[in-house]
Amino acid sequence: MATHFKFKQFTIGQDRCAMKVGTDGVLLGAWVPLHFQPQRILDVGSGTGLLALMLAQRSNAATIDAVEVDNAAFEQCVENFEASPWSDRLFCYHASFQEFYIEIEERYDLIISNPPFYVEDFSSGQLSRDTARQNQWLPFATIFEGADKLLSEDGNLAMIIPYASETSILNLANTCGFYPVNLTHVRGNPNTLIKRSLLQFSRTKGNPNIQELAIELERDVYTQEYRKLTRDFYLKM
């Protein structure tokens, strides 16, 4: 695995992060709608800082904060922020999300997260990897609870989840007062099962915009939709 991942406008150092740059994070960062022009953004469980950096490139947000609990990932996130063209707008807090939302009084227009969603009850023997991968370290209920406290009245919450968890997470969101605005189902290719769900929530009930996205037509042949979505980031798109 490469120690650095180079995008068109920034580079991600990832040698000290348990979870490397992957399709899920790039999808979420490129997909999340920003037409409401959020001025304060929070990336929860930031890892390398990928989502925060993508949103710094895509938006004019004055403040883009991140929160990361793992020490090595936090240090690498800070380094990635400082090396980027948008270092004056980016800041990472070293804390768990639970600690963060209890103590912080700020309000955000957008909270975004590529959360850990594996539910293994065994340890890999590597705490940083378990923290990055396993849902127990950042439960979905905690994300919604924190978002309820930290989001502005018209704020949005966005995340990527396994499609298999979609119904339960939509039900959880509903009980927490969040309702889907945009929902995109992601397939590896048009002939495979849906693998991921991209979700954007607000506090306003309505009929969500539901779409579908396939990443490839065949091995290493990307769909036009995926190329259009990610072309501002990937070097070879």
Protein backbone atom coordinates (compact mmCIF):
# COMPACT_ATOMS: atom_id res chain seq x y z
CA MET A 1 0.00 0.00 0.00
CA ALA A 2 1.39 3.39 -1.01
CA THR A 3 2.33 5.71 1.83
CA HIS A 4 0.87 8.67 -0.11
CA PHE A 5 -2.17 9.03 -2.36
CA LYS A 6 -1.97 11.92 -4.79
CA PHE A 7 -5.09 13.74 -5.96
CA LYS A 8 -5.23 16.58 -8.46
CA GLN A 9 -5.06 19.39 -5.87
CA PHE A 10 -3.76 17.71 -2.70
CA THR A 11 -1.86 14.68 -1.44
CA ILE A 12 -2.89 12.34 1.37
CA GLY A 13 -0.19 10.86 3.59
CA GLN A 14 -1.60 7.60 4.94
CA ASP A 15 1.26 5.47 6.26
CA ARG A 16 0.19 5.94 9.91
CA CYS A 17 -3.57 5.58 9.39
CA ALA A 18 -5.29 2.24 9.84
CA MET A 19 -7.81 3.00 7.09
CA LYS A 20 -6.30 4.16 3.81
CA VAL A 21 -7.85 6.21 1.03
CA GLY A 22 -10.66 4.13 -0.50
CA THR A 23 -13.59 4.35 -2.85
CA ASP A 24 -16.13 4.92 -0.05
CA GLY A 25 -14.50 8.12 1.17
CA VAL A 26 -13.92 9.51 -2.32
CA LEU A 27 -17.50 8.73 -3.30
CA LEU A 28 -18.93 10.51 -0.26
CA GLY A 29 -16.68 13.55 -0.57
CA ALA A 30 -17.47 13.97 -4.27
CA TRP A 31 -21.19 13.18 -3.96
CA VAL A 32 -22.43 15.19 -0.98
CA PRO A 33 -24.61 18.04 -2.29
CA LEU A 34 -23.29 21.52 -1.41
CA HIS A 35 -25.86 23.69 -3.20
CA PHE A 36 -26.92 25.17 0.17
CA GLN A 37 -23.38 26.57 0.51
CA PRO A 38 -22.42 25.44 4.03
CA GLN A 39 -20.06 27.84 5.76
CA ARG A 40 -19.15 25.58 8.68
CA ILE A 41 -18.40 21.91 8.04
CA LEU A 42 -17.43 19.08 10.42
CA ASP A 43 -15.81 15.77 9.38
CA VAL A 44 -16.45 13.11 12.06
CA GLY A 45 -13.87 10.33 12.38
CA SER A 46 -11.65 12.10 9.91
CA GLY A 47 -8.81 9.58 9.62
CA THR A 48 -6.44 10.95 6.98
CA GLY A 49 -8.59 14.08 6.58
CA LEU A 50 -9.73 13.05 3.10
CA LEU A 51 -13.35 14.23 3.38
CA ALA A 52 -12.40 17.58 4.91
CA LEU A 53 -9.85 18.16 2.15
CA MET A 54 -12.30 17.24 -0.60
CA LEU A 55 -14.88 19.65 0.82
CA ALA A 56 -12.26 22.37 1.13
CA GLN A 57 -11.62 21.94 -2.59
CA ARG A 58 -15.33 21.86 -3.47
CA SER A 59 -16.65 24.67 -1.26
CA ASN A 60 -16.01 28.18 0.01
CA ALA A 61 -16.73 27.15 3.60
CA ALA A 62 -14.91 29.45 5.99
CA THR A 63 -14.39 26.73 8.61
CA ILE A 64 -13.83 23.01 8.04
CA ASP A 65 -13.22 21.16 11.29
CA ALA A 66 -12.41 17.50 11.81
CA VAL A 67 -12.44 15.27 14.85
CA GLU A 68 -10.29 12.12 15.17
CA VAL A 69 -9.71 9.97 18.26
CA ASP A 70 -6.74 7.87 17.15
CA ASN A 71 -3.46 9.60 17.96
CA ALA A 72 -1.48 8.54 14.88
CA ALA A 73 -4.37 9.30 12.54
CA PHE A 74 -4.88 12.69 14.21
CA GLU A 75 -1.22 13.62 13.70
CA GLN A 76 -1.33 12.53 10.07
CA CYS A 77 -4.58 14.42 9.48
CA VAL A 78 -2.99 17.60 10.83
CA GLU A 79 0.02 17.11 8.56
CA ASN A 80 -2.23 16.57 5.53
CA PHE A 81 -4.17 19.72 6.37
CA GLU A 82 -1.03 21.80 6.80
CA ALA A 83 0.38 20.58 3.47
CA SER A 84 -2.79 21.47 1.55
CA PRO A 85 -3.70 24.72 -0.23
CA TRP A 86 -6.51 25.29 2.32
CA SER A 87 -4.61 24.99 5.61
CA ASP A 88 -6.09 28.29 6.87
CA ARG A 89 -9.61 26.81 6.75
CA LEU A 90 -8.88 23.35 8.18
CA PHE A 91 -8.51 22.29 11.82
CA CYS A 92 -8.49 18.86 13.47
CA TYR A 93 -9.50 18.15 17.08
CA HIS A 94 -7.97 15.18 18.89
CA ALA A 95 -10.98 13.69 20.70
CA SER A 96 -13.74 11.13 20.46
CA PHE A 97 -16.91 12.45 18.85
CA GLN A 98 -18.71 11.91 22.15
CA GLU A 99 -16.24 14.16 23.98
CA PHE A 100 -16.34 16.67 21.15
CA TYR A 101 -20.07 17.24 20.91
CA ILE A 102 -20.47 17.46 24.68
CA GLU A 103 -17.87 20.22 24.96
CA ILE A 104 -18.19 22.19 21.71
CA GLU A 105 -20.70 25.01 21.51
CA GLU A 106 -20.24 25.73 17.80
CA ARG A 107 -22.91 24.96 15.21
CA TYR A 108 -22.24 23.46 11.78
CA ASP A 109 -24.13 23.65 8.51
CA LEU A 110 -22.89 20.23 7.38
CA ILE A 111 -21.63 17.21 9.29
CA ILE A 112 -20.10 14.45 7.18
CA SER A 113 -18.82 11.02 8.16
CA ASN A 114 -17.46 7.85 6.62
CA PRO A 115 -18.10 5.93 9.83
CA PRO A 116 -16.75 2.55 10.92
CA PHE A 117 -19.51 0.06 10.24
CA TYR A 118 -18.15 -3.44 10.80
CA VAL A 119 -19.70 -5.17 13.79
CA GLU A 120 -17.03 -7.78 14.60
CA ASP A 121 -16.93 -8.54 18.30
CA PHE A 122 -13.32 -9.69 18.18
CA SER A 123 -10.15 -7.66 18.16
CA SER A 124 -7.65 -7.68 15.33
CA GLY A 125 -4.94 -7.04 17.92
CA GLN A 126 -4.42 -3.57 16.45
CA LEU A 127 -6.44 -0.95 18.33
CA SER A 128 -6.10 1.72 15.64
CA ARG A 129 -7.50 -0.64 13.00
CA ASP A 130 -10.37 -1.75 15.24
CA THR A 131 -11.22 1.88 16.03
CA ALA A 132 -11.27 2.78 12.33
CA ARG A 133 -13.33 -0.24 11.24
CA GLN A 134 -15.64 -1.33 14.04
CA ASN A 135 -18.98 0.32 14.70
CA GLN A 136 -18.67 0.04 18.49
CA TRP A 137 -16.16 2.93 18.45
CA LEU A 138 -18.56 5.33 16.73
CA PRO A 139 -22.12 3.96 16.79
CA PHE A 140 -24.64 5.43 14.38
CA ALA A 141 -26.80 6.47 17.33
CA THR A 142 -23.88 8.57 18.59
CA ILE A 143 -23.52 10.26 15.20
CA PHE A 144 -27.19 11.25 15.16
CA GLU A 145 -27.08 12.36 18.80
CA GLY A 146 -24.05 14.55 18.15
CA ALA A 147 -25.52 15.90 14.92
CA ASP A 148 -28.69 16.89 16.75
CA LYS A 149 -26.61 19.01 19.13
CA LEU A 150 -24.11 20.45 16.67
CA LEU A 151 -26.09 21.10 13.48
CA SER A 152 -27.64 24.46 12.76
CA GLU A 153 -31.42 24.47 12.33
CA ASP A 154 -31.18 23.99 8.58
CA GLY A 155 -28.01 21.88 8.73
CA ASN A 156 -27.43 18.60 6.91
CA LEU A 157 -25.81 15.29 7.87
CA ALA A 158 -24.19 13.08 5.21
CA MET A 159 -22.67 9.61 5.42
CA ILE A 160 -21.94 6.42 3.49
CA ILE A 161 -23.19 3.11 4.89
CA PRO A 162 -23.56 -0.53 3.85
CA TYR A 163 -26.76 -0.99 1.86
CA ALA A 164 -27.67 -3.90 4.15
CA SER A 165 -27.93 -1.42 7.04
CA GLU A 166 -30.00 1.17 5.20
CA THR A 167 -33.43 0.31 6.60
CA SER A 168 -32.27 0.17 10.21
CA ILE A 169 -30.32 3.43 9.88
CA LEU A 170 -33.24 5.21 8.23
CA ASN A 171 -35.43 4.06 11.11
CA LEU A 172 -32.85 5.24 13.64
CA ALA A 173 -32.57 8.60 11.86
CA ASN A 174 -36.34 8.99 11.97
CA THR A 175 -36.46 8.42 15.72
CA CYS A 176 -33.71 11.05 16.11
CA GLY A 177 -35.58 13.62 14.01
CA PHE A 178 -33.56 13.28 10.79
CA TYR A 179 -35.06 12.53 7.39
CA PRO A 180 -33.40 11.59 4.08
CA VAL A 181 -33.07 14.35 1.48
CA ASN A 182 -30.85 12.55 -1.02
CA LEU A 183 -30.19 8.82 -1.23
CA THR A 184 -27.95 7.16 -3.83
CA HIS A 185 -27.52 3.40 -4.11
CA VAL A 186 -24.07 2.32 -5.29
CA ARG A 187 -23.28 -0.81 -7.29
CA GLY A 188 -19.84 -2.06 -8.29
CA ASN A 189 -21.21 -2.48 -11.82
CA PRO A 190 -24.74 -2.49 -13.29
CA ASN A 191 -25.06 -6.26 -12.86
CA THR A 192 -23.99 -6.58 -9.22
CA LEU A 193 -25.99 -6.11 -6.03
CA ILE A 194 -26.21 -2.70 -4.36
CA LYS A 195 -23.26 -2.42 -1.98
CA ARG A 196 -23.40 1.07 -0.44
CA SER A 197 -25.90 3.81 0.33
CA LEU A 198 -24.97 7.50 0.20
CA LEU A 199 -27.29 9.43 2.51
CA GLN A 200 -27.96 13.11 3.16
CA PHE A 201 -30.30 13.99 6.04
CA SER A 202 -32.03 17.13 7.24
CA ARG A 203 -34.58 17.87 9.96
CA THR A 204 -37.31 18.51 7.35
CA LYS A 205 -39.61 15.69 6.26
CA GLY A 206 -40.10 15.28 2.54
CA ASN A 207 -39.77 12.92 -0.37
CA PRO A 208 -36.10 12.02 -0.81
CA ASN A 209 -34.36 12.19 -4.16
CA ILE A 210 -33.41 8.55 -4.82
CA GLN A 211 -30.83 7.67 -7.45
CA GLU A 212 -28.47 4.87 -8.41
CA LEU A 213 -24.79 4.86 -9.35
CA ALA A 214 -22.64 2.12 -10.86
CA ILE A 215 -18.87 2.53 -10.55
CA GLU A 216 -17.64 0.31 -13.41
CA LEU A 217 -19.01 -1.15 -16.63
CA GLU A 218 -16.34 -3.84 -16.40
CA ARG A 219 -12.99 -4.21 -14.66
CA ASP A 220 -11.17 -0.82 -14.77
CA VAL A 221 -13.70 0.63 -17.22
CA TYR A 222 -15.53 3.32 -15.26
CA THR A 223 -19.05 4.54 -15.96
CA GLN A 224 -19.56 8.04 -17.29
CA GLU A 225 -21.45 8.96 -14.10
CA TYR A 226 -18.61 7.86 -11.83
CA ARG A 227 -16.01 9.59 -13.99
CA LYS A 228 -18.02 12.82 -13.90
CA LEU A 229 -18.45 12.59 -10.14
CA THR A 230 -14.75 12.03 -9.35
CA ARG A 231 -12.91 13.74 -12.22
CA ASP A 232 -11.99 16.82 -10.14
CA PHE A 233 -10.07 14.56 -7.75
CA TYR A 234 -8.55 11.47 -9.35
CA LEU A 235 -5.48 12.11 -11.48
CA LYS A 236 -6.52 9.69 -14.22
CA MET A 237 -10.22 10.51 -14.52
